[in-house]
Amino acid sequence: MLRRGMVGRRGPGLLGTVARTAVVAGTATATANAVSNRQTRRAQATADEQAQQDAQQESPGASTGASDGDDLASKIKQLADLNAAGALSDAEFAAAKAKLLGM
């Protein structure tokens, strides 16, 4: 037996459609938030790893500065030896030493 209000009606009706839309929208929002939070955590972890790598690379760099000083001292000694041997004049020695020291 058919009821009068049900004639030709198919589907969940207006309230059912609104409810289904609300569930889909809520699920989509929750999923988008979860993905965003995960991306933020991954980006932070990557930034932390990069900072650690940079810190580790800077530590050996400090010892490199000391070897640069030793290298500079050895270059100045070589210039002094050339000057003492007569290969460089005093003016040439002073100019080369100033160039090495960045003056």
N, C-alpha and C. Protein backbone atom coordinates (compact mmCIF):
# COMPACT_ATOMS: atom_id res chain seq x y z
N MET A 1 0.83 -1.16 0.00
CA MET A 1 0.00 0.00 0.00
C MET A 1 0.88 1.24 0.00
N LEU A 2 0.60 2.21 -0.82
CA LEU A 2 1.37 3.45 -0.94
C LEU A 2 0.76 4.53 -0.08
N ARG A 3 1.62 5.26 0.55
CA ARG A 3 1.14 6.41 1.29
C ARG A 3 1.16 7.60 0.37
N ARG A 4 0.38 8.58 0.67
CA ARG A 4 0.27 9.75 -0.20
C ARG A 4 1.59 10.51 -0.29
N GLY A 5 2.31 10.70 0.79
CA GLY A 5 3.55 11.48 0.78
C GLY A 5 4.70 10.77 0.08
N MET A 6 4.61 9.51 -0.16
CA MET A 6 5.70 8.73 -0.71
C MET A 6 5.58 8.51 -2.20
N VAL A 7 4.60 9.05 -2.83
CA VAL A 7 4.38 8.82 -4.25
C VAL A 7 5.51 9.46 -5.05
N GLY A 8 6.23 8.70 -5.85
CA GLY A 8 7.27 9.20 -6.73
C GLY A 8 8.56 9.61 -6.04
N ARG A 9 8.66 9.35 -4.78
CA ARG A 9 9.83 9.78 -4.04
C ARG A 9 10.88 8.68 -4.06
N ARG A 10 12.11 9.07 -4.39
CA ARG A 10 13.22 8.12 -4.41
C ARG A 10 14.43 8.76 -3.73
N GLY A 11 15.12 8.04 -2.92
CA GLY A 11 16.31 8.57 -2.28
C GLY A 11 16.05 8.97 -0.85
N PRO A 12 17.06 9.53 -0.20
CA PRO A 12 16.98 9.80 1.22
C PRO A 12 16.19 11.05 1.59
N GLY A 13 15.88 11.86 0.68
CA GLY A 13 15.16 13.09 1.00
C GLY A 13 16.12 14.21 1.37
N LEU A 14 15.55 15.35 1.67
CA LEU A 14 16.35 16.54 1.93
C LEU A 14 17.20 16.39 3.18
N LEU A 15 16.61 15.95 4.28
CA LEU A 15 17.38 15.83 5.51
C LEU A 15 18.48 14.78 5.40
N GLY A 16 18.20 13.70 4.73
CA GLY A 16 19.21 12.67 4.54
C GLY A 16 20.37 13.18 3.70
N THR A 17 20.07 13.95 2.67
CA THR A 17 21.10 14.52 1.81
C THR A 17 21.96 15.52 2.59
N VAL A 18 21.32 16.35 3.40
CA VAL A 18 22.04 17.32 4.21
C VAL A 18 22.94 16.60 5.21
N ALA A 19 22.43 15.55 5.83
CA ALA A 19 23.22 14.80 6.80
C ALA A 19 24.41 14.14 6.12
N ARG A 20 24.20 13.54 4.97
CA ARG A 20 25.28 12.89 4.24
C ARG A 20 26.34 13.92 3.83
N THR A 21 25.91 15.08 3.38
CA THR A 21 26.84 16.15 3.00
C THR A 21 27.66 16.61 4.20
N ALA A 22 27.02 16.71 5.35
CA ALA A 22 27.74 17.13 6.56
C ALA A 22 28.79 16.09 6.95
N VAL A 23 28.47 14.83 6.83
CA VAL A 23 29.42 13.77 7.17
C VAL A 23 30.60 13.80 6.20
N VAL A 24 30.32 13.95 4.92
CA VAL A 24 31.40 13.99 3.92
C VAL A 24 32.29 15.20 4.15
N ALA A 25 31.68 16.36 4.40
CA ALA A 25 32.45 17.58 4.64
C ALA A 25 33.29 17.46 5.91
N GLY A 26 32.72 16.90 6.96
CA GLY A 26 33.47 16.71 8.19
C GLY A 26 34.63 15.77 8.02
N THR A 27 34.41 14.69 7.28
CA THR A 27 35.49 13.73 7.01
C THR A 27 36.59 14.37 6.19
N ALA A 28 36.20 15.15 5.19
CA ALA A 28 37.19 15.82 4.36
C ALA A 28 38.01 16.82 5.17
N THR A 29 37.37 17.55 6.06
CA THR A 29 38.08 18.51 6.90
C THR A 29 39.04 17.80 7.84
N ALA A 30 38.59 16.72 8.45
CA ALA A 30 39.45 15.97 9.37
C ALA A 30 40.65 15.39 8.64
N THR A 31 40.42 14.87 7.44
CA THR A 31 41.51 14.31 6.65
C THR A 31 42.51 15.39 6.24
N ALA A 32 42.01 16.52 5.80
CA ALA A 32 42.89 17.63 5.39
C ALA A 32 43.72 18.12 6.58
N ASN A 33 43.11 18.21 7.75
CA ASN A 33 43.85 18.64 8.93
C ASN A 33 44.93 17.62 9.32
N ALA A 34 44.60 16.35 9.22
CA ALA A 34 45.57 15.31 9.56
C ALA A 34 46.76 15.34 8.59
N VAL A 35 46.47 15.52 7.31
CA VAL A 35 47.54 15.59 6.32
C VAL A 35 48.40 16.83 6.57
N SER A 36 47.78 17.94 6.85
CA SER A 36 48.52 19.18 7.12
C SER A 36 49.41 19.04 8.35
N ASN A 37 48.87 18.45 9.41
CA ASN A 37 49.66 18.24 10.62
C ASN A 37 50.85 17.32 10.36
N ARG A 38 50.62 16.27 9.58
CA ARG A 38 51.71 15.34 9.26
C ARG A 38 52.79 16.04 8.44
N GLN A 39 52.39 16.85 7.47
CA GLN A 39 53.37 17.57 6.67
C GLN A 39 54.16 18.55 7.53
N THR A 40 53.50 19.20 8.47
CA THR A 40 54.18 20.13 9.36
C THR A 40 55.20 19.40 10.22
N ARG A 41 54.82 18.23 10.76
CA ARG A 41 55.76 17.45 11.58
C ARG A 41 56.96 16.99 10.75
N ARG A 42 56.70 16.54 9.53
CA ARG A 42 57.79 16.09 8.67
C ARG A 42 58.72 17.25 8.31
N ALA A 43 58.16 18.41 8.01
CA ALA A 43 58.97 19.57 7.68
C ALA A 43 59.83 19.98 8.88
N GLN A 44 59.26 19.92 10.07
CA GLN A 44 60.01 20.27 11.28
C GLN A 44 61.13 19.27 11.53
N ALA A 45 60.83 17.98 11.31
CA ALA A 45 61.86 16.96 11.50
C ALA A 45 62.99 17.15 10.49
N THR A 46 62.64 17.48 9.26
CA THR A 46 63.65 17.71 8.23
C THR A 46 64.50 18.93 8.58
N ALA A 47 63.85 19.98 9.07
CA ALA A 47 64.59 21.19 9.47
C ALA A 47 65.52 20.89 10.64
N ASP A 48 65.07 20.07 11.60
CA ASP A 48 65.91 19.70 12.73
C ASP A 48 67.12 18.89 12.27
N GLU A 49 66.91 17.94 11.35
CA GLU A 49 68.01 17.14 10.83
C GLU A 49 69.01 18.02 10.09
N GLN A 50 68.50 18.98 9.31
CA GLN A 50 69.37 19.88 8.57
C GLN A 50 70.19 20.74 9.52
N ALA A 51 69.57 21.19 10.61
CA ALA A 51 70.28 22.00 11.60
C ALA A 51 71.39 21.18 12.26
N GLN A 52 71.11 19.91 12.55
CA GLN A 52 72.13 19.04 13.14
C GLN A 52 73.28 18.83 12.18
N GLN A 53 72.97 18.61 10.90
CA GLN A 53 74.02 18.41 9.92
C GLN A 53 74.86 19.68 9.77
N ASP A 54 74.21 20.84 9.77
CA ASP A 54 74.94 22.09 9.67
C ASP A 54 75.85 22.28 10.88
N ALA A 55 75.36 21.93 12.06
CA ALA A 55 76.16 22.07 13.28
C ALA A 55 77.36 21.12 13.23
N GLN A 56 77.16 19.93 12.72
CA GLN A 56 78.26 18.97 12.61
C GLN A 56 79.29 19.43 11.59
N GLN A 57 78.82 20.07 10.52
CA GLN A 57 79.74 20.55 9.50
C GLN A 57 80.51 21.77 9.98
N GLU A 58 79.93 22.57 10.87
CA GLU A 58 80.62 23.74 11.38
C GLU A 58 81.73 23.36 12.34
N SER A 59 81.57 22.30 13.09
CA SER A 59 82.59 21.89 14.06
C SER A 59 83.91 21.56 13.38
N PRO A 60 83.94 20.74 12.33
CA PRO A 60 85.21 20.52 11.64
C PRO A 60 85.72 21.79 10.97
N GLY A 61 84.84 22.70 10.64
CA GLY A 61 85.24 23.95 9.99
C GLY A 61 86.12 24.79 10.89
N ALA A 62 85.92 24.69 12.21
CA ALA A 62 86.74 25.46 13.14
C ALA A 62 88.18 24.97 13.09
N SER A 63 88.40 23.66 12.96
CA SER A 63 89.76 23.15 12.86
C SER A 63 90.37 23.52 11.52
N THR A 64 89.55 23.69 10.48
CA THR A 64 90.04 24.11 9.18
C THR A 64 90.63 25.50 9.26
N GLY A 65 90.04 26.36 10.08
CA GLY A 65 90.57 27.71 10.25
C GLY A 65 91.98 27.67 10.82
N ALA A 66 92.26 26.76 11.71
CA ALA A 66 93.60 26.62 12.27
C ALA A 66 94.57 26.15 11.19
N SER A 67 94.14 25.22 10.34
CA SER A 67 95.03 24.75 9.28
C SER A 67 95.25 25.85 8.25
N ASP A 68 94.26 26.73 8.06
CA ASP A 68 94.46 27.87 7.17
C ASP A 68 95.53 28.78 7.73
N GLY A 69 95.53 28.97 9.05
CA GLY A 69 96.56 29.79 9.68
C GLY A 69 97.93 29.17 9.52
N ASP A 70 98.02 27.85 9.67
CA ASP A 70 99.29 27.15 9.47
C ASP A 70 99.74 27.27 8.02
N ASP A 71 98.77 27.16 7.11
CA ASP A 71 99.06 27.28 5.69
C ASP A 71 99.56 28.68 5.38
N LEU A 72 98.93 29.70 5.96
CA LEU A 72 99.34 31.08 5.75
C LEU A 72 100.75 31.30 6.29
N ALA A 73 101.00 30.75 7.47
CA ALA A 73 102.33 30.88 8.05
C ALA A 73 103.39 30.21 7.17
N SER A 74 103.05 29.04 6.61
CA SER A 74 104.02 28.36 5.75
C SER A 74 104.26 29.13 4.46
N LYS A 75 103.21 29.78 3.93
CA LYS A 75 103.39 30.58 2.71
C LYS A 75 104.27 31.79 2.98
N ILE A 76 104.06 32.44 4.14
CA ILE A 76 104.90 33.59 4.49
C ILE A 76 106.35 33.13 4.70
N LYS A 77 106.53 31.95 5.30
CA LYS A 77 107.88 31.42 5.49
C LYS A 77 108.55 31.15 4.15
N GLN A 78 107.79 30.62 3.18
CA GLN A 78 108.33 30.39 1.85
C GLN A 78 108.76 31.70 1.21
N LEU A 79 107.91 32.74 1.36
CA LEU A 79 108.27 34.05 0.83
C LEU A 79 109.54 34.58 1.49
N ALA A 80 109.64 34.39 2.82
CA ALA A 80 110.83 34.85 3.53
C ALA A 80 112.07 34.11 3.05
N ASP A 81 111.93 32.80 2.78
CA ASP A 81 113.05 32.02 2.27
C ASP A 81 113.47 32.51 0.89
N LEU A 82 112.46 32.82 0.04
CA LEU A 82 112.78 33.36 -1.28
C LEU A 82 113.47 34.71 -1.17
N ASN A 83 113.03 35.52 -0.22
CA ASN A 83 113.64 36.83 0.00
C ASN A 83 115.08 36.65 0.48
N ALA A 84 115.29 35.73 1.40
CA ALA A 84 116.63 35.50 1.92
C ALA A 84 117.56 34.95 0.84
N ALA A 85 117.00 34.16 -0.09
CA ALA A 85 117.81 33.58 -1.16
C ALA A 85 118.09 34.60 -2.26
N GLY A 86 117.39 35.73 -2.20
CA GLY A 86 117.61 36.77 -3.20
C GLY A 86 116.67 36.68 -4.39
N ALA A 87 115.73 35.74 -4.36
CA ALA A 87 114.79 35.61 -5.47
C ALA A 87 113.74 36.72 -5.43
N LEU A 88 113.47 37.26 -4.24
CA LEU A 88 112.52 38.37 -4.08
C LEU A 88 113.24 39.54 -3.42
N SER A 89 112.92 40.74 -3.90
CA SER A 89 113.46 41.93 -3.23
C SER A 89 112.64 42.20 -1.98
N ASP A 90 113.13 43.09 -1.13
CA ASP A 90 112.39 43.42 0.09
C ASP A 90 111.01 43.99 -0.24
N ALA A 91 110.91 44.81 -1.28
CA ALA A 91 109.63 45.41 -1.68
C ALA A 91 108.67 44.34 -2.19
N GLU A 92 109.19 43.39 -2.98
CA GLU A 92 108.35 42.30 -3.50
C GLU A 92 107.87 41.41 -2.36
N PHE A 93 108.76 41.13 -1.42
CA PHE A 93 108.39 40.33 -0.25
C PHE A 93 107.29 41.01 0.54
N ALA A 94 107.43 42.31 0.79
CA ALA A 94 106.43 43.06 1.56
C ALA A 94 105.09 43.07 0.83
N ALA A 95 105.12 43.25 -0.50
CA ALA A 95 103.88 43.28 -1.28
C ALA A 95 103.20 41.91 -1.26
N ALA A 96 103.96 40.84 -1.42
CA ALA A 96 103.38 39.49 -1.43
C ALA A 96 102.82 39.14 -0.06
N LYS A 97 103.52 39.52 0.99
CA LYS A 97 103.05 39.25 2.36
C LYS A 97 101.77 40.02 2.64
N ALA A 98 101.71 41.28 2.21
CA ALA A 98 100.50 42.08 2.39
C ALA A 98 99.33 41.47 1.62
N LYS A 99 99.61 40.95 0.43
CA LYS A 99 98.55 40.32 -0.36
C LYS A 99 98.01 39.07 0.36
N LEU A 100 98.91 38.27 0.91
CA LEU A 100 98.48 37.07 1.65
C LEU A 100 97.67 37.42 2.89
N LEU A 101 98.08 38.48 3.57
CA LEU A 101 97.38 38.88 4.79
C LEU A 101 96.11 39.65 4.50
N GLY A 102 95.87 39.98 3.25
CA GLY A 102 94.64 40.70 2.88
C GLY A 102 94.70 42.18 3.19
N MET A 103 95.87 42.75 3.23
CA MET A 103 96.01 44.17 3.52
C MET A 103 95.93 45.00 2.28
